[in-house]
Amino acid sequence: MTAVSLPPLDRSEVKATPGERLINGLVVLALHLLLLYAALYVSVKNELVELPTSISVRLLPMLEERKPDLPARPLPPPPKAVPQVHKPVQAAPVLAVETPMAAPATFVVAPQPPAPPAPPVIAPPAPVAVVAARFDADYLHNPKPVYPAISRRNGEEGKVLLKVRVSPQGAALDVAVSRSSGFSRLDTAALDAVTRWRFVPARRGDEAVESSVIVPVTFALE
């Protein structure tokens, strides 16, 4: 027998193209998804319970249980009427009342004492008029105010009103300017003069009292 020589085995690996690799991957993925779906379907089908298609229900009225007829109880007899006994009403005894003796038709009134005389009405005393104090009496000899020389040269004129508080002895207790002349030198000259004046005090009846009086002092150039 002759030996048959075989050709040498080609061991080189044939590389797949990119398209073939993509197809192989999609086939493998499809097989895995199919197996997963089959497993889920089998597990869910075993757990499902088939329900009846429909159930019809009809409500029937309940039959009342009939109780056996019992004999009727006899009604109790009506209460007997109690006869009322009317007692005769006794009239209250009338007491005899003694009638008072009639008063006499005439009576005598005792004479009343005379009314006391009305007290005399005492009229309030009439108010005593107050005579104001005076400063123009001749016997007082009050000096006139000195006209300031500067006021003369400057032609200053005016009238000063002084308010003087006079004591019961006729002295000037307080002197103040009630209305100025407009010039301080004239006001000061009037104050200096009137402060040393004597006055006739005011009187209330025969009594000398303290009072106030307005003294006018006029400064005029001739």
C-alpha atoms as a PDB file:
ATOM      1  CA  MET A   1       0.000   0.000   0.000  1.00  0.00           C
ATOM      2  CA  THR A   2       1.092   3.447  -0.820  1.00  0.00           C
ATOM      3  CA  ALA A   3       0.977   6.139   1.725  1.00  0.00           C
ATOM      4  CA  VAL A   4      -1.326   9.028   1.002  1.00  0.00           C
ATOM      5  CA  SER A   5       0.148  12.359   1.823  1.00  0.00           C
ATOM      6  CA  LEU A   6      -2.272  15.006   3.058  1.00  0.00           C
ATOM      7  CA  PRO A   7      -1.793  18.670   2.509  1.00  0.00           C
ATOM      8  CA  PRO A   8      -0.515  20.600   5.511  1.00  0.00           C
ATOM      9  CA  LEU A   9      -3.187  21.926   7.944  1.00  0.00           C
ATOM     10  CA  ASP A  10      -3.636  25.689   7.835  1.00  0.00           C
ATOM     11  CA  ARG A  11      -3.701  26.824  11.455  1.00  0.00           C
ATOM     12  CA  SER A  12      -3.902  30.521  10.819  1.00  0.00           C
ATOM     13  CA  GLU A  13      -6.967  32.215  12.452  1.00  0.00           C
ATOM     14  CA  VAL A  14      -9.289  34.055  10.113  1.00  0.00           C
ATOM     15  CA  LYS A  15     -10.092  37.439  11.517  1.00  0.00           C
ATOM     16  CA  ALA A  16     -13.774  38.473  11.328  1.00  0.00           C
ATOM     17  CA  THR A  17     -14.676  41.726   9.738  1.00  0.00           C
ATOM     18  CA  PRO A  18     -16.278  44.585  11.785  1.00  0.00           C
ATOM     19  CA  GLY A  19     -19.656  43.875  10.231  1.00  0.00           C
ATOM     20  CA  GLU A  20     -19.503  40.217  11.218  1.00  0.00           C
ATOM     21  CA  ARG A  21     -18.526  41.160  14.813  1.00  0.00           C
ATOM     22  CA  LEU A  22     -21.533  43.524  15.012  1.00  0.00           C
ATOM     23  CA  ILE A  23     -23.920  40.857  13.733  1.00  0.00           C
ATOM     24  CA  ASN A  24     -22.537  38.286  16.173  1.00  0.00           C
ATOM     25  CA  GLY A  25     -22.981  40.725  19.076  1.00  0.00           C
ATOM     26  CA  LEU A  26     -26.594  41.492  18.103  1.00  0.00           C
ATOM     27  CA  VAL A  27     -27.392  37.756  17.818  1.00  0.00           C
ATOM     28  CA  VAL A  28     -25.940  37.092  21.274  1.00  0.00           C
ATOM     29  CA  LEU A  29     -27.894  40.044  22.773  1.00  0.00           C
ATOM     30  CA  ALA A  30     -31.126  38.820  21.132  1.00  0.00           C
ATOM     31  CA  LEU A  31     -30.623  35.333  22.541  1.00  0.00           C
ATOM     32  CA  HIS A  32     -30.111  36.733  26.064  1.00  0.00           C
ATOM     33  CA  LEU A  33     -33.248  38.923  25.831  1.00  0.00           C
ATOM     34  CA  LEU A  34     -35.282  35.980  24.566  1.00  0.00           C
ATOM     35  CA  LEU A  35     -34.125  33.795  27.459  1.00  0.00           C
ATOM     36  CA  LEU A  36     -34.916  36.562  29.969  1.00  0.00           C
ATOM     37  CA  TYR A  37     -38.416  37.090  28.541  1.00  0.00           C
ATOM     38  CA  ALA A  38     -39.118  33.335  28.663  1.00  0.00           C
ATOM     39  CA  ALA A  39     -38.055  33.136  32.301  1.00  0.00           C
ATOM     40  CA  LEU A  40     -40.244  36.134  33.295  1.00  0.00           C
ATOM     41  CA  TYR A  41     -43.235  34.786  31.407  1.00  0.00           C
ATOM     42  CA  VAL A  42     -43.062  31.409  33.092  1.00  0.00           C
ATOM     43  CA  SER A  43     -42.736  32.936  36.602  1.00  0.00           C
ATOM     44  CA  VAL A  44     -45.625  35.386  36.127  1.00  0.00           C
ATOM     45  CA  LYS A  45     -47.894  32.744  34.577  1.00  0.00           C
ATOM     46  CA  ASN A  46     -47.455  30.488  37.609  1.00  0.00           C
ATOM     47  CA  GLU A  47     -48.500  33.302  40.001  1.00  0.00           C
ATOM     48  CA  LEU A  48     -51.606  34.449  38.100  1.00  0.00           C
ATOM     49  CA  VAL A  49     -54.949  33.127  39.322  1.00  0.00           C
ATOM     50  CA  GLU A  50     -57.742  32.963  36.845  1.00  0.00           C
ATOM     51  CA  LEU A  51     -60.794  34.898  37.979  1.00  0.00           C
ATOM     52  CA  PRO A  52     -64.328  34.012  36.932  1.00  0.00           C
ATOM     53  CA  THR A  53     -65.654  36.125  34.153  1.00  0.00           C
ATOM     54  CA  SER A  54     -68.719  37.443  36.084  1.00  0.00           C
ATOM     55  CA  ILE A  55     -70.739  36.712  39.183  1.00  0.00           C
ATOM     56  CA  SER A  56     -74.474  37.470  39.373  1.00  0.00           C
ATOM     57  CA  VAL A  57     -75.929  38.189  42.789  1.00  0.00           C
ATOM     58  CA  ARG A  58     -79.629  38.657  43.608  1.00  0.00           C
ATOM     59  CA  LEU A  59     -80.829  39.918  46.963  1.00  0.00           C
ATOM     60  CA  LEU A  60     -83.902  38.141  48.331  1.00  0.00           C
ATOM     61  CA  PRO A  61     -86.160  39.757  50.966  1.00  0.00           C
ATOM     62  CA  MET A  62     -85.720  38.315  54.392  1.00  0.00           C
ATOM     63  CA  LEU A  63     -88.670  36.370  55.645  1.00  0.00           C
ATOM     64  CA  GLU A  64     -89.728  37.413  59.094  1.00  0.00           C
ATOM     65  CA  GLU A  65     -89.998  34.616  61.517  1.00  0.00           C
ATOM     66  CA  ARG A  66     -93.581  34.206  62.490  1.00  0.00           C
ATOM     67  CA  LYS A  67     -94.104  33.814  66.144  1.00  0.00           C
ATOM     68  CA  PRO A  68     -96.792  31.419  67.370  1.00  0.00           C
ATOM     69  CA  ASP A  69    -100.059  33.125  68.232  1.00  0.00           C
ATOM     70  CA  LEU A  70    -100.234  33.820  71.924  1.00  0.00           C
ATOM     71  CA  PRO A  71    -103.537  34.156  73.775  1.00  0.00           C
ATOM     72  CA  ALA A  72    -104.499  37.822  74.382  1.00  0.00           C
ATOM     73  CA  ARG A  73    -104.166  38.964  77.959  1.00  0.00           C
ATOM     74  CA  PRO A  74    -107.390  40.194  79.554  1.00  0.00           C
ATOM     75  CA  LEU A  75    -107.472  43.899  80.298  1.00  0.00           C
ATOM     76  CA  PRO A  76    -107.589  44.870  84.007  1.00  0.00           C
ATOM     77  CA  PRO A  77    -111.011  46.010  85.240  1.00  0.00           C
ATOM     78  CA  PRO A  78    -111.473  49.795  85.509  1.00  0.00           C
ATOM     79  CA  PRO A  79    -111.022  51.275  89.031  1.00  0.00           C
ATOM     80  CA  LYS A  80    -114.160  51.717  91.043  1.00  0.00           C
ATOM     81  CA  ALA A  81    -115.316  55.304  91.497  1.00  0.00           C
ATOM     82  CA  VAL A  82    -115.058  56.461  95.099  1.00  0.00           C
ATOM     83  CA  PRO A  83    -118.178  58.374  96.114  1.00  0.00           C
ATOM     84  CA  GLN A  84    -117.366  61.864  97.288  1.00  0.00           C
ATOM     85  CA  VAL A  85    -118.984  62.996 100.505  1.00  0.00           C
ATOM     86  CA  HIS A  86    -119.768  66.724 100.568  1.00  0.00           C
ATOM     87  CA  LYS A  87    -119.528  68.161 104.053  1.00  0.00           C
ATOM     88  CA  PRO A  88    -121.818  71.071 104.830  1.00  0.00           C
ATOM     89  CA  VAL A  89    -119.947  74.362 104.983  1.00  0.00           C
ATOM     90  CA  GLN A  90    -120.377  76.036 108.336  1.00  0.00           C
ATOM     91  CA  ALA A  91    -120.697  79.785 108.293  1.00  0.00           C
ATOM     92  CA  ALA A  92    -118.106  81.690 110.313  1.00  0.00           C
ATOM     93  CA  PRO A  93    -119.510  83.193 113.484  1.00  0.00           C
ATOM     94  CA  VAL A  94    -120.111  86.896 113.301  1.00  0.00           C
ATOM     95  CA  LEU A  95    -118.602  88.794 116.198  1.00  0.00           C
ATOM     96  CA  ALA A  96    -120.515  91.677 117.585  1.00  0.00           C
ATOM     97  CA  VAL A  97    -118.644  94.953 117.233  1.00  0.00           C
ATOM     98  CA  GLU A  98    -119.345  97.778 119.557  1.00  0.00           C
ATOM     99  CA  THR A  99    -120.137 100.921 117.611  1.00  0.00           C
ATOM    100  CA  PRO A 100    -118.229 103.955 118.952  1.00  0.00           C
ATOM    101  CA  MET A 101    -120.175 106.763 120.348  1.00  0.00           C
ATOM    102  CA  ALA A 102    -120.801 109.541 117.922  1.00  0.00           C
ATOM    103  CA  ALA A 103    -118.528 112.552 118.395  1.00  0.00           C
ATOM    104  CA  PRO A 104    -120.240 115.702 119.461  1.00  0.00           C
ATOM    105  CA  ALA A 105    -121.176 117.988 116.649  1.00  0.00           C
ATOM    106  CA  THR A 106    -119.320 120.932 118.200  1.00  0.00           C
ATOM    107  CA  PHE A 107    -115.822 121.245 119.701  1.00  0.00           C
ATOM    108  CA  VAL A 108    -113.815 124.010 121.301  1.00  0.00           C
ATOM    109  CA  VAL A 109    -110.257 124.950 120.178  1.00  0.00           C
ATOM    110  CA  ALA A 110    -107.951 126.263 122.863  1.00  0.00           C
ATOM    111  CA  PRO A 111    -106.584 129.737 122.142  1.00  0.00           C
ATOM    112  CA  GLN A 112    -103.122 129.701 120.573  1.00  0.00           C
ATOM    113  CA  PRO A 113    -100.289 131.769 122.077  1.00  0.00           C
ATOM    114  CA  PRO A 114     -99.336 134.861 120.081  1.00  0.00           C
ATOM    115  CA  ALA A 115     -96.555 134.457 117.537  1.00  0.00           C
ATOM    116  CA  PRO A 116     -93.161 135.745 118.639  1.00  0.00           C
ATOM    117  CA  PRO A 117     -92.122 139.020 117.018  1.00  0.00           C
ATOM    118  CA  ALA A 118     -89.870 138.749 113.989  1.00  0.00           C
ATOM    119  CA  PRO A 119     -86.226 139.533 114.702  1.00  0.00           C
ATOM    120  CA  PRO A 120     -85.142 142.900 113.401  1.00  0.00           C
ATOM    121  CA  VAL A 121     -83.343 142.844 110.076  1.00  0.00           C
ATOM    122  CA  ILE A 122     -79.854 144.246 110.468  1.00  0.00           C
ATOM    123  CA  ALA A 123     -78.699 145.880 107.305  1.00  0.00           C
ATOM    124  CA  PRO A 124     -75.064 145.267 106.352  1.00  0.00           C
ATOM    125  CA  PRO A 125     -72.833 148.248 106.917  1.00  0.00           C
ATOM    126  CA  ALA A 126     -72.379 150.423 103.897  1.00  0.00           C
ATOM    127  CA  PRO A 127     -68.937 150.150 102.328  1.00  0.00           C
ATOM    128  CA  VAL A 128     -66.653 152.974 103.300  1.00  0.00           C
ATOM    129  CA  ALA A 129     -65.248 154.846 100.328  1.00  0.00           C
ATOM    130  CA  VAL A 130     -61.464 155.003 100.039  1.00  0.00           C
ATOM    131  CA  VAL A 131     -59.964 158.425  99.370  1.00  0.00           C
ATOM    132  CA  ALA A 132     -56.901 158.111  97.104  1.00  0.00           C
ATOM    133  CA  ALA A 133     -53.505 159.400  98.097  1.00  0.00           C
ATOM    134  CA  ARG A 134     -52.401 162.862  96.879  1.00  0.00           C
ATOM    135  CA  PHE A 135     -49.053 164.340  95.914  1.00  0.00           C
ATOM    136  CA  ASP A 136     -50.073 167.900  94.827  1.00  0.00           C
ATOM    137  CA  ALA A 137     -50.876 169.456  98.216  1.00  0.00           C
ATOM    138  CA  ASP A 138     -49.197 172.839  98.660  1.00  0.00           C
ATOM    139  CA  TYR A 139     -48.006 172.148 102.172  1.00  0.00           C
ATOM    140  CA  LEU A 140     -45.996 169.129 101.043  1.00  0.00           C
ATOM    141  CA  HIS A 141     -43.398 171.346  99.283  1.00  0.00           C
ATOM    142  CA  ASN A 142     -42.290 168.565  96.939  1.00  0.00           C
ATOM    143  CA  PRO A 143     -39.370 169.734  94.731  1.00  0.00           C
ATOM    144  CA  LYS A 144     -39.657 169.528  90.963  1.00  0.00           C
ATOM    145  CA  PRO A 145     -37.437 167.103  89.040  1.00  0.00           C
ATOM    146  CA  VAL A 146     -34.161 168.565  87.732  1.00  0.00           C
ATOM    147  CA  TYR A 147     -34.068 168.818  83.941  1.00  0.00           C
ATOM    148  CA  PRO A 148     -30.815 167.109  82.830  1.00  0.00           C
ATOM    149  CA  ALA A 149     -28.454 169.582  81.074  1.00  0.00           C
ATOM    150  CA  ILE A 150     -27.564 167.044  78.365  1.00  0.00           C
ATOM    151  CA  SER A 151     -31.271 166.487  77.678  1.00  0.00           C
ATOM    152  CA  ARG A 152     -31.733 170.253  77.289  1.00  0.00           C
ATOM    153  CA  ARG A 153     -28.868 170.518  74.831  1.00  0.00           C
ATOM    154  CA  ASN A 154     -30.154 167.529  72.867  1.00  0.00           C
ATOM    155  CA  GLY A 155     -33.733 168.812  72.911  1.00  0.00           C
ATOM    156  CA  GLU A 156     -35.127 165.737  74.732  1.00  0.00           C
ATOM    157  CA  GLU A 157     -38.738 166.147  75.902  1.00  0.00           C
ATOM    158  CA  GLY A 158     -41.354 163.701  77.190  1.00  0.00           C
ATOM    159  CA  LYS A 159     -43.808 162.634  79.876  1.00  0.00           C
ATOM    160  CA  VAL A 160     -43.018 159.952  82.441  1.00  0.00           C
ATOM    161  CA  LEU A 161     -45.726 158.049  84.396  1.00  0.00           C
ATOM    162  CA  LEU A 162     -44.492 156.700  87.726  1.00  0.00           C
ATOM    163  CA  LYS A 163     -46.379 154.193  89.898  1.00  0.00           C
ATOM    164  CA  VAL A 164     -45.775 154.973  93.567  1.00  0.00           C
ATOM    165  CA  ARG A 165     -46.748 152.763  96.522  1.00  0.00           C
ATOM    166  CA  VAL A 166     -47.561 155.126  99.424  1.00  0.00           C
ATOM    167  CA  SER A 167     -47.406 154.060 103.077  1.00  0.00           C
ATOM    168  CA  PRO A 168     -50.020 155.079 105.681  1.00  0.00           C
ATOM    169  CA  GLN A 169     -47.456 157.658 106.896  1.00  0.00           C
ATOM    170  CA  GLY A 170     -47.250 159.269 103.417  1.00  0.00           C
ATOM    171  CA  ALA A 171     -43.763 158.043 102.404  1.00  0.00           C
ATOM    172  CA  ALA A 172     -42.932 156.578  99.000  1.00  0.00           C
ATOM    173  CA  LEU A 173     -42.298 152.864  99.615  1.00  0.00           C
ATOM    174  CA  ASP A 174     -41.699 151.906  95.994  1.00  0.00           C
ATOM    175  CA  VAL A 175     -41.410 153.925  92.755  1.00  0.00           C
ATOM    176  CA  ALA A 176     -41.431 152.311  89.300  1.00  0.00           C
ATOM    177  CA  VAL A 177     -41.777 153.542  85.727  1.00  0.00           C
ATOM    178  CA  SER A 178     -45.277 152.768  84.458  1.00  0.00           C
ATOM    179  CA  ARG A 179     -44.721 154.439  81.054  1.00  0.00           C
ATOM    180  CA  SER A 180     -41.372 155.775  79.818  1.00  0.00           C
ATOM    181  CA  SER A 181     -40.806 159.160  78.225  1.00  0.00           C
ATOM    182  CA  GLY A 182     -38.573 157.608  75.611  1.00  0.00           C
ATOM    183  CA  PHE A 183     -35.366 158.936  77.167  1.00  0.00           C
ATOM    184  CA  SER A 184     -33.615 157.131  79.982  1.00  0.00           C
ATOM    185  CA  ARG A 185     -32.102 160.372  81.411  1.00  0.00           C
ATOM    186  CA  LEU A 186     -35.566 161.905  81.822  1.00  0.00           C
ATOM    187  CA  ASP A 187     -36.911 158.726  83.443  1.00  0.00           C
ATOM    188  CA  THR A 188     -34.012 158.639  85.926  1.00  0.00           C
ATOM    189  CA  ALA A 189     -34.445 162.340  86.860  1.00  0.00           C
ATOM    190  CA  ALA A 190     -38.151 161.755  87.571  1.00  0.00           C
ATOM    191  CA  LEU A 191     -37.415 158.671  89.719  1.00  0.00           C
ATOM    192  CA  ASP A 192     -34.797 160.521  91.780  1.00  0.00           C
ATOM    193  CA  ALA A 193     -37.161 163.378  92.522  1.00  0.00           C
ATOM    194  CA  VAL A 194     -40.370 161.440  93.317  1.00  0.00           C
ATOM    195  CA  THR A 195     -38.561 158.965  95.581  1.00  0.00           C
ATOM    196  CA  ARG A 196     -37.978 161.868  98.067  1.00  0.00           C
ATOM    197  CA  TRP A 197     -41.535 163.239  97.874  1.00  0.00           C
ATOM    198  CA  ARG A 198     -44.086 163.246 100.650  1.00  0.00           C
ATOM    199  CA  PHE A 199     -47.711 162.221 100.016  1.00  0.00           C
ATOM    200  CA  VAL A 200     -51.105 162.598 101.630  1.00  0.00           C
ATOM    201  CA  PRO A 201     -51.927 158.948 102.449  1.00  0.00           C
ATOM    202  CA  ALA A 202     -55.138 157.328 101.304  1.00  0.00           C
ATOM    203  CA  ARG A 203     -57.934 157.023 103.858  1.00  0.00           C
ATOM    204  CA  ARG A 204     -60.744 154.570 104.476  1.00  0.00           C
ATOM    205  CA  GLY A 205     -63.040 156.583 106.630  1.00  0.00           C
ATOM    206  CA  ASP A 206     -60.844 157.992 109.414  1.00  0.00           C
ATOM    207  CA  GLU A 207     -58.101 155.398 108.976  1.00  0.00           C
ATOM    208  CA  ALA A 208     -54.982 155.962 106.846  1.00  0.00           C
ATOM    209  CA  VAL A 209     -54.231 152.975 104.621  1.00  0.00           C
ATOM    210  CA  GLU A 210     -51.532 151.934 102.177  1.00  0.00           C
ATOM    211  CA  SER A 211     -52.332 152.530  98.497  1.00  0.00           C
ATOM    212  CA  SER A 212     -50.815 153.175  95.057  1.00  0.00           C
ATOM    213  CA  VAL A 213     -50.982 156.292  92.948  1.00  0.00           C
ATOM    214  CA  ILE A 214     -49.797 157.289  89.432  1.00  0.00           C
ATOM    215  CA  VAL A 215     -47.596 160.405  89.338  1.00  0.00           C
ATOM    216  CA  PRO A 216     -47.120 162.104  85.933  1.00  0.00           C
ATOM    217  CA  VAL A 217     -43.871 164.085  85.371  1.00  0.00           C
ATOM    218  CA  THR A 218     -43.574 166.209  82.219  1.00  0.00           C
ATOM    219  CA  PHE A 219     -40.271 167.484  80.786  1.00  0.00           C
ATOM    220  CA  ALA A 220     -40.790 170.319  78.291  1.00  0.00           C
ATOM    221  CA  LEU A 221     -38.355 172.940  76.922  1.00  0.00           C
ATOM    222  CA  GLU A 222     -39.594 176.551  77.062  1.00  0.00           C
END
